[in-house]
PDB file of N, CA and C in Angstrom:
ATOM      1  N   MET A   1     124.196  50.373 108.813  1.00  0.00           N
ATOM      2  CA  MET A   1     124.621  51.677 108.370  1.00  0.00           C
ATOM      3  C   MET A   1     123.455  52.659 108.495  1.00  0.00           C
ATOM      4  N   VAL A   2     123.738  53.844 109.004  1.00  0.00           N
ATOM      5  CA  VAL A   2     122.707  54.854 109.202  1.00  0.00           C
ATOM      6  C   VAL A   2     122.458  55.592 107.892  1.00  0.00           C
ATOM      7  N   ARG A   3     121.199  55.662 107.506  1.00  0.00           N
ATOM      8  CA  ARG A   3     120.839  56.361 106.275  1.00  0.00           C
ATOM      9  C   ARG A   3     120.620  57.843 106.566  1.00  0.00           C
ATOM     10  N   ILE A   4     120.712  58.660 105.532  1.00  0.00           N
ATOM     11  CA  ILE A   4     120.497  60.100 105.666  1.00  0.00           C
ATOM     12  C   ILE A   4     119.090  60.385 106.180  1.00  0.00           C
ATOM     13  N   VAL A   5     118.112  59.617 105.717  1.00  0.00           N
ATOM     14  CA  VAL A   5     116.730  59.812 106.168  1.00  0.00           C
ATOM     15  C   VAL A   5     116.642  59.608 107.674  1.00  0.00           C
ATOM     16  N   ASP A   6     117.332  58.590 108.183  1.00  0.00           N
ATOM     17  CA  ASP A   6     117.343  58.338 109.619  1.00  0.00           C
ATOM     18  C   ASP A   6     118.014  59.484 110.366  1.00  0.00           C
ATOM     19  N   LEU A   7     119.118  60.003 109.827  1.00  0.00           N
ATOM     20  CA  LEU A   7     119.803  61.128 110.462  1.00  0.00           C
ATOM     21  C   LEU A   7     118.903  62.352 110.523  1.00  0.00           C
ATOM     22  N   LYS A   8     118.131  62.576 109.478  1.00  0.00           N
ATOM     23  CA  LYS A   8     117.215  63.720 109.469  1.00  0.00           C
ATOM     24  C   LYS A   8     116.147  63.570 110.545  1.00  0.00           C
ATOM     25  N   LYS A   9     115.602  62.369 110.688  1.00  0.00           N
ATOM     26  CA  LYS A   9     114.583  62.132 111.711  1.00  0.00           C
ATOM     27  C   LYS A   9     115.167  62.286 113.111  1.00  0.00           C
ATOM     28  N   ILE A  10     116.334  61.700 113.333  1.00  0.00           N
ATOM     29  CA  ILE A  10     116.993  61.804 114.637  1.00  0.00           C
ATOM     30  C   ILE A  10     117.314  63.258 114.942  1.00  0.00           C
ATOM     31  N   SER A  11     117.834  63.962 113.956  1.00  0.00           N
ATOM     32  CA  SER A  11     118.172  65.372 114.122  1.00  0.00           C
ATOM     33  C   SER A  11     116.939  66.188 114.478  1.00  0.00           C
ATOM     34  N   LYS A  12     115.840  65.920 113.796  1.00  0.00           N
ATOM     35  CA  LYS A  12     114.605  66.660 114.060  1.00  0.00           C
ATOM     36  C   LYS A  12     114.145  66.453 115.505  1.00  0.00           C
ATOM     37  N   TRP A  13     114.211  65.218 115.984  1.00  0.00           N
ATOM     38  CA  TRP A  13     113.781  64.945 117.355  1.00  0.00           C
ATOM     39  C   TRP A  13     114.723  65.566 118.382  1.00  0.00           C
ATOM     40  N   ILE A  14     116.005  65.558 118.101  1.00  0.00           N
ATOM     41  CA  ILE A  14     116.955  66.189 119.024  1.00  0.00           C
ATOM     42  C   ILE A  14     116.701  67.693 119.087  1.00  0.00           C
ATOM     43  N   VAL A  15     116.409  68.317 117.950  1.00  0.00           N
ATOM     44  CA  VAL A  15     116.097  69.752 117.933  1.00  0.00           C
ATOM     45  C   VAL A  15     114.822  70.021 118.736  1.00  0.00           C
ATOM     46  N   VAL A  16     113.812  69.189 118.583  1.00  0.00           N
ATOM     47  CA  VAL A  16     112.562  69.363 119.333  1.00  0.00           C
ATOM     48  C   VAL A  16     112.816  69.237 120.832  1.00  0.00           C
ATOM     49  N   ILE A  17     113.595  68.252 121.230  1.00  0.00           N
ATOM     50  CA  ILE A  17     113.912  68.070 122.647  1.00  0.00           C
ATOM     51  C   ILE A  17     114.706  69.263 123.172  1.00  0.00           C
ATOM     52  N   GLY A  18     115.664  69.739 122.382  1.00  0.00           N
ATOM     53  CA  GLY A  18     116.439  70.916 122.778  1.00  0.00           C
ATOM     54  C   GLY A  18     115.565  72.149 122.914  1.00  0.00           C
ATOM     55  N   ALA A  19     114.632  72.329 121.983  1.00  0.00           N
ATOM     56  CA  ALA A  19     113.717  73.469 122.055  1.00  0.00           C
ATOM     57  C   ALA A  19     112.817  73.371 123.285  1.00  0.00           C
ATOM     58  N   ALA A  20     112.352  72.169 123.581  1.00  0.00           N
ATOM     59  CA  ALA A  20     111.527  71.981 124.779  1.00  0.00           C
ATOM     60  C   ALA A  20     112.325  72.318 126.035  1.00  0.00           C
ATOM     61  N   ASN A  21     113.586  71.917 126.069  1.00  0.00           N
ATOM     62  CA  ASN A  21     114.430  72.231 127.221  1.00  0.00           C
ATOM     63  C   ASN A  21     114.596  73.740 127.361  1.00  0.00           C
ATOM     64  N   TRP A  22     114.846  74.442 126.248  1.00  0.00           N
ATOM     65  CA  TRP A  22     114.980  75.904 126.304  1.00  0.00           C
ATOM     66  C   TRP A  22     113.668  76.551 126.715  1.00  0.00           C
ATOM     67  N   GLY A  23     112.551  75.996 126.303  1.00  0.00           N
ATOM     68  CA  GLY A  23     111.252  76.508 126.748  1.00  0.00           C
ATOM     69  C   GLY A  23     111.081  76.372 128.247  1.00  0.00           C
ATOM     70  N   LEU A  24     111.485  75.225 128.785  1.00  0.00           N
ATOM     71  CA  LEU A  24     111.421  75.022 130.237  1.00  0.00           C
ATOM     72  C   LEU A  24     112.333  75.995 130.973  1.00  0.00           C
ATOM     73  N   ILE A  25     113.504  76.244 130.413  1.00  0.00           N
ATOM     74  CA  ILE A  25     114.429  77.196 131.031  1.00  0.00           C
ATOM     75  C   ILE A  25     113.809  78.592 131.028  1.00  0.00           C
ATOM     76  N   GLY A  26     113.248  78.998 129.902  1.00  0.00           N
ATOM     77  CA  GLY A  26     112.664  80.332 129.799  1.00  0.00           C
ATOM     78  C   GLY A  26     111.432  80.523 130.665  1.00  0.00           C
ATOM     79  N   LEU A  27     110.560  79.531 130.713  1.00  0.00           N
ATOM     80  CA  LEU A  27     109.309  79.669 131.455  1.00  0.00           C
ATOM     81  C   LEU A  27     109.457  79.436 132.955  1.00  0.00           C
ATOM     82  N   PHE A  28     110.226  78.428 133.314  1.00  0.00           N
ATOM     83  CA  PHE A  28     110.261  78.003 134.712  1.00  0.00           C
ATOM     84  C   PHE A  28     111.652  78.018 135.335  1.00  0.00           C
ATOM     85  N   ASN A  29     112.653  78.482 134.584  1.00  0.00           N
ATOM     86  CA  ASN A  29     114.038  78.456 135.048  1.00  0.00           C
ATOM     87  C   ASN A  29     114.426  77.035 135.491  1.00  0.00           C
ATOM     88  N   PHE A  30     113.974  76.047 134.712  1.00  0.00           N
ATOM     89  CA  PHE A  30     114.228  74.636 135.007  1.00  0.00           C
ATOM     90  C   PHE A  30     114.936  74.004 133.818  1.00  0.00           C
ATOM     91  N   ASN A  31     116.142  73.522 134.047  1.00  0.00           N
ATOM     92  CA  ASN A  31     116.921  72.889 132.992  1.00  0.00           C
ATOM     93  C   ASN A  31     116.811  71.375 133.145  1.00  0.00           C
ATOM     94  N   LEU A  32     116.062  70.758 132.247  1.00  0.00           N
ATOM     95  CA  LEU A  32     115.820  69.315 132.317  1.00  0.00           C
ATOM     96  C   LEU A  32     117.102  68.511 132.128  1.00  0.00           C
ATOM     97  N   VAL A  33     117.990  68.991 131.265  1.00  0.00           N
ATOM     98  CA  VAL A  33     119.237  68.260 130.998  1.00  0.00           C
ATOM     99  C   VAL A  33     120.091  68.186 132.257  1.00  0.00           C
ATOM    100  N   THR A  34     120.293  69.316 132.920  1.00  0.00           N
ATOM    101  CA  THR A  34     121.109  69.283 134.142  1.00  0.00           C
ATOM    102  C   THR A  34     120.374  68.579 135.276  1.00  0.00           C
ATOM    103  N   PHE A  35     119.042  68.617 135.263  1.00  0.00           N
ATOM    104  CA  PHE A  35     118.279  67.889 136.273  1.00  0.00           C
ATOM    105  C   PHE A  35     118.496  66.385 136.129  1.00  0.00           C
ATOM    106  N   LEU A  36     118.449  65.904 134.882  1.00  0.00           N
ATOM    107  CA  LEU A  36     118.596  64.467 134.639  1.00  0.00           C
ATOM    108  C   LEU A  36     120.046  63.998 134.674  1.00  0.00           C
ATOM    109  N   LEU A  37     120.981  64.839 134.201  1.00  0.00           N
ATOM    110  CA  LEU A  37     122.371  64.411 134.042  1.00  0.00           C
ATOM    111  C   LEU A  37     123.349  65.251 134.847  1.00  0.00           C
ATOM    112  N   GLY A  38     122.864  66.004 135.809  1.00  0.00           N
ATOM    113  CA  GLY A  38     123.704  66.945 136.545  1.00  0.00           C
ATOM    114  C   GLY A  38     124.914  66.328 137.215  1.00  0.00           C
ATOM    115  N   SER A  39     124.806  65.083 137.640  1.00  0.00           N
ATOM    116  CA  SER A  39     125.940  64.451 138.316  1.00  0.00           C
ATOM    117  C   SER A  39     127.003  63.966 137.334  1.00  0.00           C
ATOM    118  N   TRP A  40     126.714  64.046 136.034  1.00  0.00           N
ATOM    119  CA  TRP A  40     127.664  63.669 134.992  1.00  0.00           C
ATOM    120  C   TRP A  40     127.871  64.845 134.043  1.00  0.00           C
ATOM    121  N   PRO A  41     128.705  65.806 134.422  1.00  0.00           N
ATOM    122  CA  PRO A  41     128.860  67.019 133.603  1.00  0.00           C
ATOM    123  C   PRO A  41     129.319  66.744 132.172  1.00  0.00           C
ATOM    124  N   ILE A  42     130.080  65.693 131.952  1.00  0.00           N
ATOM    125  CA  ILE A  42     130.527  65.397 130.590  1.00  0.00           C
ATOM    126  C   ILE A  42     129.335  64.992 129.717  1.00  0.00           C
ATOM    127  N   LEU A  43     128.364  64.279 130.295  1.00  0.00           N
ATOM    128  CA  LEU A  43     127.168  63.903 129.535  1.00  0.00           C
ATOM    129  C   LEU A  43     126.300  65.117 129.231  1.00  0.00           C
ATOM    130  N   VAL A  44     126.239  66.065 130.168  1.00  0.00           N
ATOM    131  CA  VAL A  44     125.515  67.314 129.916  1.00  0.00           C
ATOM    132  C   VAL A  44     126.134  68.016 128.711  1.00  0.00           C
ATOM    133  N   THR A  45     127.454  68.082 128.682  1.00  0.00           N
ATOM    134  CA  THR A  45     128.156  68.711 127.562  1.00  0.00           C
ATOM    135  C   THR A  45     127.877  67.964 126.261  1.00  0.00           C
ATOM    136  N   VAL A  46     127.903  66.648 126.300  1.00  0.00           N
ATOM    137  CA  VAL A  46     127.634  65.841 125.101  1.00  0.00           C
ATOM    138  C   VAL A  46     126.220  66.115 124.582  1.00  0.00           C
ATOM    139  N   VAL A  47     125.249  66.194 125.480  1.00  0.00           N
ATOM    140  CA  VAL A  47     123.870  66.472 125.064  1.00  0.00           C
ATOM    141  C   VAL A  47     123.787  67.830 124.387  1.00  0.00           C
ATOM    142  N   TYR A  48     124.421  68.849 124.971  1.00  0.00           N
ATOM    143  CA  TYR A  48     124.383  70.185 124.368  1.00  0.00           C
ATOM    144  C   TYR A  48     125.080  70.205 123.009  1.00  0.00           C
ATOM    145  N   VAL A  49     126.167  69.474 122.876  1.00  0.00           N
ATOM    146  CA  VAL A  49     126.856  69.399 121.581  1.00  0.00           C
ATOM    147  C   VAL A  49     125.966  68.705 120.553  1.00  0.00           C
ATOM    148  N   LEU A  50     125.289  67.639 120.946  1.00  0.00           N
ATOM    149  CA  LEU A  50     124.380  66.940 120.030  1.00  0.00           C
ATOM    150  C   LEU A  50     123.216  67.832 119.604  1.00  0.00           C
ATOM    151  N   VAL A  51     122.662  68.595 120.545  1.00  0.00           N
ATOM    152  CA  VAL A  51     121.566  69.511 120.205  1.00  0.00           C
ATOM    153  C   VAL A  51     122.060  70.577 119.238  1.00  0.00           C
ATOM    154  N   GLY A  52     123.242  71.127 119.494  1.00  0.00           N
ATOM    155  CA  GLY A  52     123.808  72.126 118.591  1.00  0.00           C
ATOM    156  C   GLY A  52     124.083  71.560 117.212  1.00  0.00           C
ATOM    157  N   ALA A  53     124.667  70.367 117.159  1.00  0.00           N
ATOM    158  CA  ALA A  53     124.950  69.728 115.870  1.00  0.00           C
ATOM    159  C   ALA A  53     123.657  69.429 115.120  1.00  0.00           C
ATOM    160  N   ALA A  54     122.635  68.976 115.839  1.00  0.00           N
ATOM    161  CA  ALA A  54     121.346  68.698 115.204  1.00  0.00           C
ATOM    162  C   ALA A  54     120.725  69.981 114.660  1.00  0.00           C
ATOM    163  N   GLY A  55     120.886  71.066 115.381  1.00  0.00           N
ATOM    164  CA  GLY A  55     120.379  72.350 114.906  1.00  0.00           C
ATOM    165  C   GLY A  55     121.067  72.792 113.630  1.00  0.00           C
ATOM    166  N   PHE A  56     122.397  72.678 113.603  1.00  0.00           N
ATOM    167  CA  PHE A  56     123.139  73.028 112.389  1.00  0.00           C
ATOM    168  C   PHE A  56     122.753  72.114 111.228  1.00  0.00           C
ATOM    169  N   TRP A  57     122.558  70.839 111.509  1.00  0.00           N
ATOM    170  CA  TRP A  57     122.150  69.882 110.477  1.00  0.00           C
ATOM    171  C   TRP A  57     120.779  70.261 109.913  1.00  0.00           C
ATOM    172  N   ALA A  58     119.858  70.666 110.797  1.00  0.00           N
ATOM    173  CA  ALA A  58     118.522  71.067 110.353  1.00  0.00           C
ATOM    174  C   ALA A  58     118.588  72.314 109.472  1.00  0.00           C
ATOM    175  N   VAL A  59     119.404  73.283 109.861  1.00  0.00           N
ATOM    176  CA  VAL A  59     119.560  74.498 109.055  1.00  0.00           C
ATOM    177  C   VAL A  59     120.187  74.157 107.708  1.00  0.00           C
ATOM    178  N   TYR A  60     121.213  73.325 107.725  1.00  0.00           N
ATOM    179  CA  TYR A  60     121.866  72.909 106.474  1.00  0.00           C
ATOM    180  C   TYR A  60     120.863  72.238 105.538  1.00  0.00           C
ATOM    181  N   ASN A  61     120.073  71.320 106.084  1.00  0.00           N
ATOM    182  CA  ASN A  61     119.075  70.620 105.260  1.00  0.00           C
ATOM    183  C   ASN A  61     118.033  71.578 104.712  1.00  0.00           C
ATOM    184  N   LYS A  62     117.645  72.545 105.513  1.00  0.00           N
ATOM    185  CA  LYS A  62     116.649  73.518 105.057  1.00  0.00           C
ATOM    186  C   LYS A  62     117.211  74.395 103.938  1.00  0.00           C
ATOM    187  N   LEU A  63     118.471  74.809 104.063  1.00  0.00           N
ATOM    188  CA  LEU A  63     119.074  75.696 103.070  1.00  0.00           C
ATOM    189  C   LEU A  63     119.452  74.979 101.777  1.00  0.00           C
ATOM    190  N   THR A  64     119.752  73.689 101.859  1.00  0.00           N
ATOM    191  CA  THR A  64     120.184  72.954 100.673  1.00  0.00           C
ATOM    192  C   THR A  64     119.060  72.149 100.027  1.00  0.00           C
ATOM    193  N   LYS A  65     117.889  72.184 100.614  1.00  0.00           N
ATOM    194  CA  LYS A  65     116.757  71.442 100.065  1.00  0.00           C
ATOM    195  C   LYS A  65     116.302  72.104  98.770  1.00  0.00           C
ATOM    196  N   PRO A  66     116.183  71.332  97.693  1.00  0.00           N
ATOM    197  CA  PRO A  66     115.729  71.933  96.435  1.00  0.00           C
ATOM    198  C   PRO A  66     114.300  72.453  96.572  1.00  0.00           C
ATOM    199  N   SER A  67     114.053  73.619  96.019  1.00  0.00           N
ATOM    200  CA  SER A  67     112.713  74.204  96.112  1.00  0.00           C
ATOM    201  C   SER A  67     111.754  73.458  95.188  1.00  0.00           C
ATOM    202  N   LYS A  68     110.522  73.320  95.649  1.00  0.00           N
ATOM    203  CA  LYS A  68     109.489  72.638  94.856  1.00  0.00           C
ATOM    204  C   LYS A  68     108.720  73.693  94.076  1.00  0.00           C
ATOM    205  N   LYS A  69     108.735  73.565  92.758  1.00  0.00           N
ATOM    206  CA  LYS A  69     108.010  74.531  91.910  1.00  0.00           C
ATOM    207  C   LYS A  69     107.047  73.823  91.012  1.00  0.00           C
TER     208      LYS A  69
END
Protein backbone atom coordinates (compact mmCIF):
# COMPACT_ATOMS: atom_id res chain seq x y z
CA MET A 1 0.00 0.00 0.00
CA VAL A 2 1.31 3.45 -0.93
CA ARG A 3 1.69 5.81 2.00
CA ILE A 4 0.94 9.54 1.83
CA VAL A 5 4.62 10.28 2.51
CA ASP A 6 5.56 8.23 -0.56
CA LEU A 7 2.96 10.05 -2.67
CA LYS A 8 4.40 13.39 -1.58
CA LYS A 9 7.92 12.33 -2.56
CA ILE A 10 6.77 10.92 -5.90
CA SER A 11 4.71 14.04 -6.56
CA LYS A 12 7.66 16.29 -5.76
CA TRP A 13 9.91 14.44 -8.21
CA ILE A 14 7.28 14.48 -10.95
CA VAL A 15 6.89 18.26 -10.49
CA VAL A 16 10.68 18.71 -10.69
CA ILE A 17 10.86 16.64 -13.88
CA GLY A 18 7.94 18.59 -15.36
CA ALA A 19 9.61 21.89 -14.47
CA ALA A 20 12.86 20.74 -16.05
CA ASN A 21 10.97 19.80 -19.21
CA TRP A 22 9.33 23.25 -19.33
CA GLY A 23 12.74 24.83 -18.81
CA LEU A 24 14.10 22.90 -21.78
CA ILE A 25 11.12 23.98 -23.87
CA GLY A 26 11.61 27.63 -22.91
CA LEU A 27 15.38 27.74 -23.34
CA PHE A 28 15.99 25.44 -26.28
CA ASN A 29 12.54 24.74 -27.78
CA PHE A 30 13.23 21.07 -26.94
CA ASN A 31 10.49 18.92 -25.45
CA LEU A 32 12.08 15.94 -23.71
CA VAL A 33 8.75 14.14 -23.23
CA THR A 34 7.86 14.14 -26.92
CA PHE A 35 11.48 13.33 -27.78
CA LEU A 36 11.42 10.22 -25.59
CA LEU A 37 7.79 9.17 -26.11
CA GLY A 38 6.83 10.84 -29.39
CA SER A 39 5.95 7.59 -31.12
CA TRP A 40 3.44 6.82 -28.35
CA PRO A 41 1.11 9.84 -28.14
CA ILE A 42 -1.05 8.24 -25.45
CA LEU A 43 2.00 7.94 -23.17
CA VAL A 44 2.87 11.59 -23.81
CA THR A 45 -0.66 12.48 -22.69
CA VAL A 46 -0.35 10.25 -19.61
CA VAL A 47 2.93 11.93 -18.63
CA TYR A 48 1.38 15.40 -18.96
CA VAL A 49 -1.64 14.33 -16.90
CA LEU A 50 0.67 12.93 -14.19
CA VAL A 51 2.71 16.15 -14.12
CA GLY A 52 -0.47 18.21 -13.84
CA ALA A 53 -1.89 15.98 -11.10
CA ALA A 54 1.42 16.13 -9.22
CA GLY A 55 1.37 19.91 -9.47
CA PHE A 56 -2.15 20.11 -8.07
CA TRP A 57 -1.18 17.68 -5.31
CA ALA A 58 1.83 19.86 -4.41
CA VAL A 59 -0.34 22.99 -4.27
CA TYR A 60 -2.95 21.18 -2.17
CA ASN A 61 -0.29 19.98 0.27
CA LYS A 62 1.20 23.45 0.51
CA LEU A 63 -2.18 25.09 1.18
CA THR A 64 -3.37 22.51 3.71
CA LYS A 65 -0.10 22.14 5.59
CA PRO A 66 -0.49 23.40 9.16
CA SER A 67 1.64 26.46 9.82
CA LYS A 68 4.52 26.08 12.27
CA LYS A 69 4.45 28.70 15.02
